[in-house]
Structure formats: structure tokens, C-alpha cells
PDB file of all heavy atoms in Angstrom:
ATOM      1  N   ARG A   1      -4.795 -14.082  28.122  1.00  0.00           N
ATOM      2  CA  ARG A   1      -4.747 -13.481  29.461  1.00  0.00           C
ATOM      3  C   ARG A   1      -6.088 -12.870  29.861  1.00  0.00           C
ATOM      4  O   ARG A   1      -6.173 -11.726  30.290  1.00  0.00           O
ATOM      5  CB  ARG A   1      -3.626 -12.440  29.545  1.00  0.00           C
ATOM      6  CG  ARG A   1      -2.239 -13.053  29.464  1.00  0.00           C
ATOM      7  CD  ARG A   1      -1.157 -12.005  29.664  1.00  0.00           C
ATOM      8  NE  ARG A   1      -1.240 -10.988  28.616  1.00  0.00           N
ATOM      9  CZ  ARG A   1      -0.770 -11.166  27.381  1.00  0.00           C
ATOM     10  NH1 ARG A   1      -0.186 -12.307  27.052  1.00  0.00           N
ATOM     11  NH2 ARG A   1      -0.866 -10.207  26.489  1.00  0.00           N
ATOM     12  N   GLY A   2      -7.138 -13.655  29.686  1.00  0.00           N
ATOM     13  CA  GLY A   2      -8.464 -13.234  30.122  1.00  0.00           C
ATOM     14  C   GLY A   2      -9.305 -12.561  29.056  1.00  0.00           C
ATOM     15  O   GLY A   2     -10.509 -12.376  29.255  1.00  0.00           O
ATOM     16  N   ALA A   3      -8.710 -12.200  27.940  1.00  0.00           N
ATOM     17  CA  ALA A   3      -9.453 -11.566  26.853  1.00  0.00           C
ATOM     18  C   ALA A   3      -9.679 -12.586  25.743  1.00  0.00           C
ATOM     19  O   ALA A   3      -8.735 -13.235  25.284  1.00  0.00           O
ATOM     20  CB  ALA A   3      -8.694 -10.355  26.328  1.00  0.00           C
ATOM     21  N   ILE A   4     -10.908 -12.749  25.314  1.00  0.00           N
ATOM     22  CA  ILE A   4     -11.240 -13.660  24.225  1.00  0.00           C
ATOM     23  C   ILE A   4     -11.100 -12.903  22.909  1.00  0.00           C
ATOM     24  O   ILE A   4     -11.798 -11.908  22.675  1.00  0.00           O
ATOM     25  CB  ILE A   4     -12.663 -14.215  24.366  1.00  0.00           C
ATOM     26  CG1 ILE A   4     -12.844 -14.880  25.735  1.00  0.00           C
ATOM     27  CG2 ILE A   4     -12.970 -15.187  23.242  1.00  0.00           C
ATOM     28  CD1 ILE A   4     -11.899 -16.038  25.977  1.00  0.00           C
ATOM     29  N   ILE A   5     -10.186 -13.363  22.052  1.00  0.00           N
ATOM     30  CA  ILE A   5      -9.954 -12.673  20.781  1.00  0.00           C
ATOM     31  C   ILE A   5     -10.094 -13.660  19.626  1.00  0.00           C
ATOM     32  O   ILE A   5      -9.781 -14.844  19.760  1.00  0.00           O
ATOM     33  CB  ILE A   5      -8.561 -12.008  20.739  1.00  0.00           C
ATOM     34  CG1 ILE A   5      -7.448 -13.066  20.784  1.00  0.00           C
ATOM     35  CG2 ILE A   5      -8.410 -11.004  21.868  1.00  0.00           C
ATOM     36  CD1 ILE A   5      -6.068 -12.495  20.515  1.00  0.00           C
ATOM     37  N   PRO A   6     -10.577 -13.179  18.477  1.00  0.00           N
ATOM     38  CA  PRO A   6     -10.663 -14.049  17.298  1.00  0.00           C
ATOM     39  C   PRO A   6      -9.279 -14.226  16.678  1.00  0.00           C
ATOM     40  O   PRO A   6      -8.427 -13.338  16.749  1.00  0.00           O
ATOM     41  CB  PRO A   6     -11.588 -13.283  16.362  1.00  0.00           C
ATOM     42  CG  PRO A   6     -11.391 -11.850  16.729  1.00  0.00           C
ATOM     43  CD  PRO A   6     -11.136 -11.849  18.218  1.00  0.00           C
ATOM     44  N   ILE A   7      -9.059 -15.376  16.048  1.00  0.00           N
ATOM     45  CA  ILE A   7      -7.798 -15.665  15.369  1.00  0.00           C
ATOM     46  C   ILE A   7      -8.075 -15.771  13.868  1.00  0.00           C
ATOM     47  O   ILE A   7      -8.842 -16.623  13.429  1.00  0.00           O
ATOM     48  CB  ILE A   7      -7.160 -16.970  15.888  1.00  0.00           C
ATOM     49  CG1 ILE A   7      -6.952 -16.907  17.409  1.00  0.00           C
ATOM     50  CG2 ILE A   7      -5.837 -17.220  15.172  1.00  0.00           C
ATOM     51  CD1 ILE A   7      -6.025 -15.795  17.864  1.00  0.00           C
ATOM     52  N   ILE A   8      -7.455 -14.892  13.111  1.00  0.00           N
ATOM     53  CA  ILE A   8      -7.631 -14.832  11.661  1.00  0.00           C
ATOM     54  C   ILE A   8      -6.421 -15.459  10.982  1.00  0.00           C
ATOM     55  O   ILE A   8      -5.276 -15.117  11.298  1.00  0.00           O
ATOM     56  CB  ILE A   8      -7.785 -13.371  11.176  1.00  0.00           C
ATOM     57  CG1 ILE A   8      -8.907 -12.664  11.927  1.00  0.00           C
ATOM     58  CG2 ILE A   8      -7.999 -13.323   9.673  1.00  0.00           C
ATOM     59  CD1 ILE A   8     -10.267 -13.232  11.687  1.00  0.00           C
ATOM     60  N   ASN A   9      -6.659 -16.377  10.071  1.00  0.00           N
ATOM     61  CA  ASN A   9      -5.576 -16.965   9.299  1.00  0.00           C
ATOM     62  C   ASN A   9      -5.356 -16.098   8.061  1.00  0.00           C
ATOM     63  O   ASN A   9      -6.176 -16.096   7.143  1.00  0.00           O
ATOM     64  CB  ASN A   9      -5.929 -18.395   8.902  1.00  0.00           C
ATOM     65  CG  ASN A   9      -4.768 -19.127   8.253  1.00  0.00           C
ATOM     66  OD1 ASN A   9      -4.209 -18.656   7.275  1.00  0.00           O
ATOM     67  ND2 ASN A   9      -4.411 -20.283   8.803  1.00  0.00           N
ATOM     68  N   LEU A  10      -4.241 -15.350   8.018  1.00  0.00           N
ATOM     69  CA  LEU A  10      -4.019 -14.428   6.916  1.00  0.00           C
ATOM     70  C   LEU A  10      -3.802 -15.143   5.588  1.00  0.00           C
ATOM     71  O   LEU A  10      -4.099 -14.594   4.528  1.00  0.00           O
ATOM     72  CB  LEU A  10      -2.826 -13.507   7.224  1.00  0.00           C
ATOM     73  CG  LEU A  10      -3.087 -12.346   8.184  1.00  0.00           C
ATOM     74  CD1 LEU A  10      -1.909 -11.382   8.189  1.00  0.00           C
ATOM     75  CD2 LEU A  10      -4.379 -11.605   7.852  1.00  0.00           C
ATOM     76  N   ARG A  11      -3.268 -16.370   5.626  1.00  0.00           N
ATOM     77  CA  ARG A  11      -3.129 -17.124   4.378  1.00  0.00           C
ATOM     78  C   ARG A  11      -4.497 -17.287   3.720  1.00  0.00           C
ATOM     79  O   ARG A  11      -4.675 -17.012   2.521  1.00  0.00           O
ATOM     80  CB  ARG A  11      -2.524 -18.505   4.641  1.00  0.00           C
ATOM     81  CG  ARG A  11      -1.036 -18.523   4.931  1.00  0.00           C
ATOM     82  CD  ARG A  11      -0.549 -19.964   5.031  1.00  0.00           C
ATOM     83  NE  ARG A  11      -0.664 -20.650   3.754  1.00  0.00           N
ATOM     84  CZ  ARG A  11       0.341 -20.752   2.873  1.00  0.00           C
ATOM     85  NH1 ARG A  11       1.519 -20.223   3.143  1.00  0.00           N
ATOM     86  NH2 ARG A  11       0.171 -21.391   1.737  1.00  0.00           N
ATOM     87  N   ARG A  12      -5.465 -17.756   4.483  1.00  0.00           N
ATOM     88  CA  ARG A  12      -6.796 -17.987   3.930  1.00  0.00           C
ATOM     89  C   ARG A  12      -7.483 -16.673   3.580  1.00  0.00           C
ATOM     90  O   ARG A  12      -8.214 -16.588   2.580  1.00  0.00           O
ATOM     91  CB  ARG A  12      -7.634 -18.782   4.925  1.00  0.00           C
ATOM     92  CG  ARG A  12      -7.121 -20.201   5.123  1.00  0.00           C
ATOM     93  CD  ARG A  12      -7.992 -20.982   6.079  1.00  0.00           C
ATOM     94  NE  ARG A  12      -7.556 -22.368   6.189  1.00  0.00           N
ATOM     95  CZ  ARG A  12      -8.121 -23.266   6.978  1.00  0.00           C
ATOM     96  NH1 ARG A  12      -9.150 -22.914   7.731  1.00  0.00           N
ATOM     97  NH2 ARG A  12      -7.662 -24.510   7.024  1.00  0.00           N
ATOM     98  N   LEU A  13      -7.255 -15.635   4.379  1.00  0.00           N
ATOM     99  CA  LEU A  13      -7.864 -14.341   4.097  1.00  0.00           C
ATOM    100  C   LEU A  13      -7.371 -13.787   2.766  1.00  0.00           C
ATOM    101  O   LEU A  13      -8.110 -13.111   2.050  1.00  0.00           O
ATOM    102  CB  LEU A  13      -7.551 -13.357   5.220  1.00  0.00           C
ATOM    103  CG  LEU A  13      -8.299 -12.022   5.181  1.00  0.00           C
ATOM    104  CD1 LEU A  13      -9.794 -12.234   5.317  1.00  0.00           C
ATOM    105  CD2 LEU A  13      -7.787 -11.082   6.253  1.00  0.00           C
ATOM    106  N   LEU A  14      -6.106 -14.098   2.421  1.00  0.00           N
ATOM    107  CA  LEU A  14      -5.534 -13.639   1.158  1.00  0.00           C
ATOM    108  C   LEU A  14      -5.800 -14.603   0.006  1.00  0.00           C
ATOM    109  O   LEU A  14      -5.270 -14.428  -1.091  1.00  0.00           O
ATOM    110  CB  LEU A  14      -4.022 -13.425   1.324  1.00  0.00           C
ATOM    111  CG  LEU A  14      -3.604 -12.343   2.322  1.00  0.00           C
ATOM    112  CD1 LEU A  14      -2.093 -12.262   2.418  1.00  0.00           C
ATOM    113  CD2 LEU A  14      -4.192 -10.992   1.932  1.00  0.00           C
ATOM    114  N   GLY A  15      -6.595 -15.626   0.270  1.00  0.00           N
ATOM    115  CA  GLY A  15      -6.966 -16.543  -0.787  1.00  0.00           C
ATOM    116  C   GLY A  15      -5.934 -17.602  -1.090  1.00  0.00           C
ATOM    117  O   GLY A  15      -5.974 -18.223  -2.156  1.00  0.00           O
ATOM    118  N   LEU A  16      -4.999 -17.850  -0.160  1.00  0.00           N
ATOM    119  CA  LEU A  16      -3.956 -18.850  -0.362  1.00  0.00           C
ATOM    120  C   LEU A  16      -4.360 -20.177   0.286  1.00  0.00           C
ATOM    121  O   LEU A  16      -5.208 -20.210   1.192  1.00  0.00           O
ATOM    122  CB  LEU A  16      -2.632 -18.366   0.225  1.00  0.00           C
ATOM    123  CG  LEU A  16      -2.094 -17.060  -0.367  1.00  0.00           C
ATOM    124  CD1 LEU A  16      -0.898 -16.568   0.435  1.00  0.00           C
ATOM    125  CD2 LEU A  16      -1.703 -17.269  -1.832  1.00  0.00           C
ATOM    126  N   SER A  17      -3.743 -21.259  -0.153  1.00  0.00           N
ATOM    127  CA  SER A  17      -4.067 -22.573   0.388  1.00  0.00           C
ATOM    128  C   SER A  17      -3.577 -22.688   1.825  1.00  0.00           C
ATOM    129  O   SER A  17      -2.574 -22.070   2.205  1.00  0.00           O
ATOM    130  CB  SER A  17      -3.428 -23.668  -0.470  1.00  0.00           C
ATOM    131  OG  SER A  17      -2.014 -23.509  -0.506  1.00  0.00           O
ATOM    132  N   PRO A  18      -4.263 -23.470   2.658  1.00  0.00           N
ATOM    133  CA  PRO A  18      -3.866 -23.628   4.060  1.00  0.00           C
ATOM    134  C   PRO A  18      -2.480 -24.263   4.177  1.00  0.00           C
ATOM    135  O   PRO A  18      -2.008 -24.957   3.281  1.00  0.00           O
ATOM    136  CB  PRO A  18      -4.944 -24.542   4.636  1.00  0.00           C
ATOM    137  CG  PRO A  18      -6.090 -24.459   3.672  1.00  0.00           C
ATOM    138  CD  PRO A  18      -5.484 -24.222   2.327  1.00  0.00           C
ATOM    139  N   LYS A  19      -1.840 -24.024   5.297  1.00  0.00           N
ATOM    140  CA  LYS A  19      -0.537 -24.600   5.590  1.00  0.00           C
ATOM    141  C   LYS A  19      -0.530 -25.035   7.047  1.00  0.00           C
ATOM    142  O   LYS A  19      -0.963 -24.298   7.939  1.00  0.00           O
ATOM    143  CB  LYS A  19       0.568 -23.566   5.342  1.00  0.00           C
ATOM    144  CG  LYS A  19       1.974 -24.008   5.725  1.00  0.00           C
ATOM    145  CD  LYS A  19       2.977 -22.899   5.397  1.00  0.00           C
ATOM    146  CE  LYS A  19       4.390 -23.269   5.820  1.00  0.00           C
ATOM    147  NZ  LYS A  19       4.538 -23.302   7.293  1.00  0.00           N
ATOM    148  N   ARG A  20      -0.049 -26.249   7.276  1.00  0.00           N
ATOM    149  CA  ARG A  20      -0.011 -26.759   8.645  1.00  0.00           C
ATOM    150  C   ARG A  20       0.943 -25.924   9.488  1.00  0.00           C
ATOM    151  O   ARG A  20       2.041 -25.569   9.041  1.00  0.00           O
ATOM    152  CB  ARG A  20       0.430 -28.218   8.648  1.00  0.00           C
ATOM    153  CG  ARG A  20       0.408 -28.862  10.047  1.00  0.00           C
ATOM    154  CD  ARG A  20       0.913 -30.282   9.966  1.00  0.00           C
ATOM    155  NE  ARG A  20       0.038 -31.105   9.148  1.00  0.00           N
ATOM    156  CZ  ARG A  20      -1.046 -31.710   9.610  1.00  0.00           C
ATOM    157  NH1 ARG A  20      -1.386 -31.597  10.883  1.00  0.00           N
ATOM    158  NH2 ARG A  20      -1.776 -32.466   8.803  1.00  0.00           N
ATOM    159  N   ALA A  21       0.535 -25.601  10.696  1.00  0.00           N
ATOM    160  CA  ALA A  21       1.381 -24.815  11.592  1.00  0.00           C
ATOM    161  C   ALA A  21       2.662 -25.580  11.919  1.00  0.00           C
ATOM    162  O   ALA A  21       2.653 -26.802  12.073  1.00  0.00           O
ATOM    163  CB  ALA A  21       0.627 -24.472  12.872  1.00  0.00           C
ATOM    164  N   ASP A  22       3.771 -24.831  12.007  1.00  0.00           N
ATOM    165  CA  ASP A  22       5.044 -25.454  12.359  1.00  0.00           C
ATOM    166  C   ASP A  22       5.767 -24.577  13.379  1.00  0.00           C
ATOM    167  O   ASP A  22       5.160 -23.674  13.964  1.00  0.00           O
ATOM    168  CB  ASP A  22       5.898 -25.683  11.114  1.00  0.00           C
ATOM    169  CG  ASP A  22       6.137 -24.413  10.305  1.00  0.00           C
ATOM    170  OD1 ASP A  22       6.131 -23.315  10.901  1.00  0.00           O
ATOM    171  OD2 ASP A  22       6.345 -24.507   9.083  1.00  0.00           O
ATOM    172  N   ALA A  23       7.046 -24.827  13.583  1.00  0.00           N
ATOM    173  CA  ALA A  23       7.804 -24.112  14.610  1.00  0.00           C
ATOM    174  C   ALA A  23       7.943 -22.631  14.306  1.00  0.00           C
ATOM    175  O   ALA A  23       8.193 -21.825  15.212  1.00  0.00           O
ATOM    176  CB  ALA A  23       9.190 -24.747  14.770  1.00  0.00           C
ATOM    177  N   ASP A  24       7.789 -22.245  13.045  1.00  0.00           N
ATOM    178  CA  ASP A  24       7.931 -20.839  12.670  1.00  0.00           C
ATOM    179  C   ASP A  24       6.623 -20.064  12.727  1.00  0.00           C
ATOM    180  O   ASP A  24       6.633 -18.828  12.685  1.00  0.00           O
ATOM    181  CB  ASP A  24       8.509 -20.729  11.260  1.00  0.00           C
ATOM    182  CG  ASP A  24       9.940 -21.224  11.163  1.00  0.00           C
ATOM    183  OD1 ASP A  24      10.691 -21.047  12.155  1.00  0.00           O
ATOM    184  OD2 ASP A  24      10.306 -21.794  10.118  1.00  0.00           O
ATOM    185  N   THR A  25       5.508 -20.760  12.793  1.00  0.00           N
ATOM    186  CA  THR A  25       4.202 -20.099  12.778  1.00  0.00           C
ATOM    187  C   THR A  25       4.044 -19.183  13.989  1.00  0.00           C
ATOM    188  O   THR A  25       4.362 -19.556  15.114  1.00  0.00           O
ATOM    189  CB  THR A  25       3.075 -21.138  12.775  1.00  0.00           C
ATOM    190  OG1 THR A  25       3.236 -22.008  11.648  1.00  0.00           O
ATOM    191  CG2 THR A  25       1.713 -20.462  12.691  1.00  0.00           C
ATOM    192  N   ARG A  26       3.562 -17.978  13.737  1.00  0.00           N
ATOM    193  CA  ARG A  26       3.337 -17.015  14.813  1.00  0.00           C
ATOM    194  C   ARG A  26       1.971 -16.363  14.642  1.00  0.00           C
ATOM    195  O   ARG A  26       1.409 -16.331  13.545  1.00  0.00           O
ATOM    196  CB  ARG A  26       4.408 -15.924  14.818  1.00  0.00           C
ATOM    197  CG  ARG A  26       5.815 -16.400  15.139  1.00  0.00           C
ATOM    198  CD  ARG A  26       5.940 -16.858  16.589  1.00  0.00           C
ATOM    199  NE  ARG A  26       7.306 -17.227  16.932  1.00  0.00           N
ATOM    200  CZ  ARG A  26       7.849 -18.414  16.714  1.00  0.00           C
ATOM    201  NH1 ARG A  26       7.117 -19.364  16.137  1.00  0.00           N
ATOM    202  NH2 ARG A  26       9.094 -18.683  17.071  1.00  0.00           N
ATOM    203  N   THR A  27       1.446 -15.827  15.739  1.00  0.00           N
ATOM    204  CA  THR A  27       0.219 -15.055  15.708  1.00  0.00           C
ATOM    205  C   THR A  27       0.536 -13.636  16.140  1.00  0.00           C
ATOM    206  O   THR A  27       1.047 -13.413  17.238  1.00  0.00           O
ATOM    207  CB  THR A  27      -0.857 -15.661  16.625  1.00  0.00           C
ATOM    208  OG1 THR A  27      -1.186 -16.985  16.162  1.00  0.00           O
ATOM    209  CG2 THR A  27      -2.113 -14.807  16.628  1.00  0.00           C
ATOM    210  N   ILE A  28       0.273 -12.692  15.250  1.00  0.00           N
ATOM    211  CA  ILE A  28       0.499 -11.277  15.533  1.00  0.00           C
ATOM    212  C   ILE A  28      -0.802 -10.699  16.087  1.00  0.00           C
ATOM    213  O   ILE A  28      -1.830 -10.700  15.405  1.00  0.00           O
ATOM    214  CB  ILE A  28       0.926 -10.517  14.270  1.00  0.00           C
ATOM    215  CG1 ILE A  28       2.171 -11.155  13.649  1.00  0.00           C
ATOM    216  CG2 ILE A  28       1.180  -9.048  14.584  1.00  0.00           C
ATOM    217  CD1 ILE A  28       2.597 -10.524  12.337  1.00  0.00           C
ATOM    218  N   VAL A  29      -0.765 -10.237  17.318  1.00  0.00           N
ATOM    219  CA  VAL A  29      -1.949  -9.654  17.953  1.00  0.00           C
ATOM    220  C   VAL A  29      -1.978  -8.172  17.610  1.00  0.00           C
ATOM    221  O   VAL A  29      -1.053  -7.427  17.949  1.00  0.00           O
ATOM    222  CB  VAL A  29      -1.932  -9.867  19.472  1.00  0.00           C
ATOM    223  CG1 VAL A  29      -3.192  -9.267  20.103  1.00  0.00           C
ATOM    224  CG2 VAL A  29      -1.833 -11.359  19.798  1.00  0.00           C
ATOM    225  N   VAL A  30      -3.024  -7.763  16.894  1.00  0.00           N
ATOM    226  CA  VAL A  30      -3.105  -6.389  16.410  1.00  0.00           C
ATOM    227  C   VAL A  30      -4.309  -5.676  17.012  1.00  0.00           C
ATOM    228  O   VAL A  30      -5.299  -6.306  17.410  1.00  0.00           O
ATOM    229  CB  VAL A  30      -3.197  -6.342  14.870  1.00  0.00           C
ATOM    230  CG1 VAL A  30      -1.953  -6.936  14.239  1.00  0.00           C
ATOM    231  CG2 VAL A  30      -4.437  -7.084  14.361  1.00  0.00           C
ATOM    232  N   ASN A  31      -4.204  -4.368  17.072  1.00  0.00           N
ATOM    233  CA  ASN A  31      -5.301  -3.523  17.519  1.00  0.00           C
ATOM    234  C   ASN A  31      -5.833  -2.756  16.313  1.00  0.00           C
ATOM    235  O   ASN A  31      -5.100  -1.994  15.683  1.00  0.00           O
ATOM    236  CB  ASN A  31      -4.820  -2.542  18.591  1.00  0.00           C
ATOM    237  CG  ASN A  31      -4.349  -3.266  19.842  1.00  0.00           C
ATOM    238  OD1 ASN A  31      -5.046  -4.122  20.367  1.00  0.00           O
ATOM    239  ND2 ASN A  31      -3.174  -2.917  20.329  1.00  0.00           N
ATOM    240  N   VAL A  32      -7.090  -2.985  15.996  1.00  0.00           N
ATOM    241  CA  VAL A  32      -7.741  -2.316  14.878  1.00  0.00           C
ATOM    242  C   VAL A  32      -8.933  -1.553  15.447  1.00  0.00           C
ATOM    243  O   VAL A  32      -9.955  -2.148  15.783  1.00  0.00           O
ATOM    244  CB  VAL A  32      -8.197  -3.322  13.807  1.00  0.00           C
ATOM    245  CG1 VAL A  32      -8.866  -2.595  12.647  1.00  0.00           C
ATOM    246  CG2 VAL A  32      -7.023  -4.148  13.305  1.00  0.00           C
ATOM    247  N   GLY A  33      -8.788  -0.247  15.562  1.00  0.00           N
ATOM    248  CA  GLY A  33      -9.815   0.533  16.230  1.00  0.00           C
ATOM    249  C   GLY A  33      -9.931   0.098  17.683  1.00  0.00           C
ATOM    250  O   GLY A  33      -8.940   0.039  18.409  1.00  0.00           O
TER     251      GLY A  33
END
């Protein structure tokens, strides 16, 4: 909605193998500072 935000894959951030997105995949938009 007009704001450019980065998208972080938490699986990869936690050192886990990638997983193809499916119907259950969601993106949680968080405010950090």
C-alpha cells in the first residue's frame, strides 16, 4: 500500500532449507523500532 518493505524468509534466517510457497504460506508484517 505504497510502502516499500523488505521481505525476510525466516526459514533461511534460522538456517533451515528453503521451502516452496504454498496455500498456507503467510507473511507477517512486523514493526521493529
